[in-house]
Amino acid sequence: MSNSGNQKNYYDPQNNFINSVLVSKKGNPISLSIIYSIIAQKLDLPVYGVNLPKNFILAYIDKEPSNLKPFLKSESDVLFYINPFRNGIVLSRTEIEKFVKGLNITPEPAFFVPCSNILIIQRLISNLVFAYEKLGQVEKADMYKQVLKIVSEEDTEG
């Protein structure tokens, strides 16, 4: 009864809706990571989202959740990475570096540490915009662009 990556319909907007992912047990990297991290955190496991280009994974950190904010910039606190889209396989920093370099992108420190919840929501909404544009559903894409704009404005105020 495990959730897995929806590889057949990767760009389906439903992959971004948590309720749909829970029913279908299929999702995209970010929706699966959200579910996985919420469950892990409820079990007091320090697992948080990492915003990679073209992917989204999780980091298992060596800190108590109450100490999360001061460490966000420190890569040394990450023990390992988890890819829920690939059935929860465990990854090393070296494997993340290879993935990023394979995209012809220079690795940045932000690719190796947990990101904020607001960034996760922004990424999820951006996925919806892309999915609806890909389907030619311009009105829905525009609606989510407006939502993204609002969420992004809220982020700059905090």
Protein backbone atom coordinates (compact mmCIF):
# COMPACT_ATOMS: atom_id res chain seq x y z
CA MET A 1 0.00 0.00 0.00
CA SER A 2 2.91 2.36 -0.60
CA ASN A 3 2.73 5.49 -2.69
CA SER A 4 4.93 5.62 -5.76
CA GLY A 5 5.85 7.87 -8.63
CA ASN A 6 3.30 8.30 -11.38
CA GLN A 7 5.65 7.70 -14.28
CA LYS A 8 2.94 7.06 -16.88
CA ASN A 9 1.17 10.39 -16.35
CA TYR A 10 3.97 12.41 -14.77
CA TYR A 11 2.52 15.82 -15.73
CA ASP A 12 -1.07 15.06 -14.73
CA PRO A 13 -2.28 17.95 -12.52
CA GLN A 14 -3.82 15.38 -10.16
CA ASN A 15 -0.29 14.40 -9.11
CA ASN A 16 -0.14 17.71 -7.24
CA PHE A 17 -3.33 17.29 -5.22
CA ILE A 18 -2.62 15.46 -1.97
CA ASN A 19 -6.13 13.99 -1.80
CA SER A 20 -5.75 12.50 -5.30
CA VAL A 21 -2.32 11.11 -4.47
CA LEU A 22 -3.68 9.45 -1.33
CA VAL A 23 -6.47 7.79 -3.33
CA SER A 24 -4.43 6.75 -6.37
CA LYS A 25 -1.23 6.02 -4.43
CA LYS A 26 0.60 7.70 -7.32
CA GLY A 27 2.11 11.16 -7.42
CA ASN A 28 4.99 13.37 -8.45
CA PRO A 29 8.21 13.93 -6.47
CA ILE A 30 6.90 16.89 -4.51
CA SER A 31 3.50 15.49 -3.54
CA LEU A 32 5.03 12.19 -2.46
CA SER A 33 7.72 14.07 -0.51
CA ILE A 34 5.10 16.17 1.27
CA ILE A 35 3.18 13.09 2.40
CA TYR A 36 6.35 11.22 3.34
CA SER A 37 7.79 14.16 5.36
CA ILE A 38 4.54 14.85 7.22
CA ILE A 39 4.30 11.22 8.30
CA ALA A 40 8.00 11.12 9.23
CA GLN A 41 7.73 14.32 11.28
CA LYS A 42 4.65 12.99 13.10
CA LEU A 43 6.85 10.02 14.05
CA ASP A 44 9.53 12.47 15.31
CA LEU A 45 11.85 11.65 12.42
CA PRO A 46 13.75 14.73 11.17
CA VAL A 47 12.88 14.46 7.46
CA TYR A 48 12.46 17.65 5.41
CA GLY A 49 12.05 18.66 1.77
CA VAL A 50 14.97 19.54 -0.49
CA ASN A 51 14.24 21.63 -3.58
CA LEU A 52 16.32 20.15 -6.39
CA PRO A 53 16.03 21.29 -9.99
CA LYS A 54 13.87 18.84 -11.97
CA ASN A 55 13.24 16.81 -8.80
CA PHE A 56 12.27 17.09 -5.17
CA ILE A 57 13.68 14.83 -2.48
CA LEU A 58 13.97 14.62 1.28
CA ALA A 59 16.85 15.02 3.71
CA TYR A 60 17.18 13.09 6.94
CA ILE A 61 18.98 15.44 9.30
CA ASP A 62 21.05 14.94 12.41
CA LYS A 63 19.19 17.48 14.55
CA GLU A 64 16.13 17.64 16.70
CA PRO A 65 13.21 19.26 14.84
CA SER A 66 13.14 22.12 17.40
CA ASN A 67 16.67 23.05 16.29
CA LEU A 68 15.82 23.12 12.59
CA LYS A 69 15.93 26.87 11.88
CA PRO A 70 19.54 27.56 12.94
CA PHE A 71 20.88 24.69 10.87
CA LEU A 72 19.10 25.29 7.55
CA LYS A 73 22.28 26.46 5.82
CA SER A 74 24.46 23.59 7.07
CA GLU A 75 24.93 20.66 4.71
CA SER A 76 26.91 18.78 7.35
CA ASP A 77 23.73 18.08 9.33
CA VAL A 78 22.22 15.99 6.50
CA LEU A 79 22.86 12.30 7.12
CA PHE A 80 21.31 11.06 3.86
CA TYR A 81 18.67 11.80 1.25
CA ILE A 82 15.47 9.94 0.37
CA ASN A 83 13.74 9.85 -3.01
CA PRO A 84 10.03 9.03 -2.45
CA PHE A 85 9.39 9.06 -6.21
CA ARG A 86 11.76 6.11 -6.55
CA ASN A 87 10.12 4.05 -3.81
CA GLY A 88 12.11 5.73 -1.02
CA ILE A 89 15.60 4.85 -2.16
CA VAL A 90 18.36 6.35 -0.05
CA LEU A 91 20.85 8.65 -1.75
CA SER A 92 24.21 10.12 -0.79
CA ARG A 93 25.39 13.66 -1.36
CA THR A 94 27.63 12.36 -4.15
CA GLU A 95 24.60 10.91 -5.95
CA ILE A 96 22.80 14.27 -5.66
CA GLU A 97 25.88 16.02 -7.07
CA LYS A 98 25.97 13.60 -10.02
CA PHE A 99 22.25 14.16 -10.66
CA VAL A 100 22.66 17.96 -10.69
CA LYS A 101 25.78 17.83 -12.86
CA GLY A 102 23.91 15.49 -15.24
CA LEU A 103 21.44 18.36 -15.74
CA ASN A 104 24.37 20.62 -16.69
CA ILE A 105 23.69 22.77 -13.64
CA THR A 106 26.35 23.96 -11.24
CA PRO A 107 25.56 22.56 -7.77
CA GLU A 108 24.41 25.20 -5.27
CA PRO A 109 24.33 24.85 -1.47
CA ALA A 110 20.52 25.13 -1.51
CA PHE A 111 20.34 21.82 -3.42
CA PHE A 112 21.67 19.95 -0.38
CA VAL A 113 19.70 21.36 2.58
CA PRO A 114 16.04 21.45 3.55
CA CYS A 115 13.96 24.27 2.13
CA SER A 116 11.15 26.25 3.73
CA ASN A 117 7.53 25.14 3.69
CA ILE A 118 6.61 28.23 1.67
CA LEU A 119 9.09 27.20 -1.02
CA ILE A 120 7.52 23.74 -1.11
CA ILE A 121 4.08 25.30 -1.65
CA GLN A 122 5.46 27.61 -4.35
CA ARG A 123 7.03 24.65 -6.12
CA LEU A 124 3.78 22.68 -5.91
CA ILE A 125 1.79 25.58 -7.38
CA SER A 126 4.41 26.07 -10.11
CA ASN A 127 3.97 22.40 -11.02
CA LEU A 128 0.23 22.99 -11.37
CA VAL A 129 0.81 25.99 -13.64
CA PHE A 130 3.13 23.91 -15.83
CA ALA A 131 0.76 20.93 -15.92
CA TYR A 132 -2.25 23.02 -16.95
CA GLU A 133 -0.23 24.92 -19.56
CA LYS A 134 0.96 21.60 -20.98
CA LEU A 135 -2.69 20.52 -21.26
CA GLY A 136 -3.65 23.82 -22.91
CA GLN A 137 -5.91 24.75 -19.99
CA VAL A 138 -4.90 28.40 -19.96
CA GLU A 139 -7.61 29.61 -17.55
CA LYS A 140 -6.59 27.12 -14.86
CA ALA A 141 -2.90 27.89 -15.43
CA ASP A 142 -3.61 31.62 -15.08
CA MET A 143 -5.61 31.02 -11.90
CA TYR A 144 -2.68 29.17 -10.33
CA LYS A 145 -0.28 31.88 -11.52
CA GLN A 146 -2.33 34.34 -9.49
CA VAL A 147 -2.22 32.03 -6.47
CA LEU A 148 1.55 31.69 -6.90
CA LYS A 149 1.90 35.47 -7.06
CA ILE A 150 -0.05 35.84 -3.81
CA VAL A 151 1.97 33.13 -2.06
CA SER A 152 5.22 34.67 -3.31
CA GLU A 153 4.19 38.12 -2.06
CA GLU A 154 3.40 36.67 1.36
CA ASP A 155 6.88 35.12 1.45
CA THR A 156 8.61 38.47 0.88
CA GLU A 157 6.63 40.10 3.70
CA GLY A 158 7.75 37.54 6.32
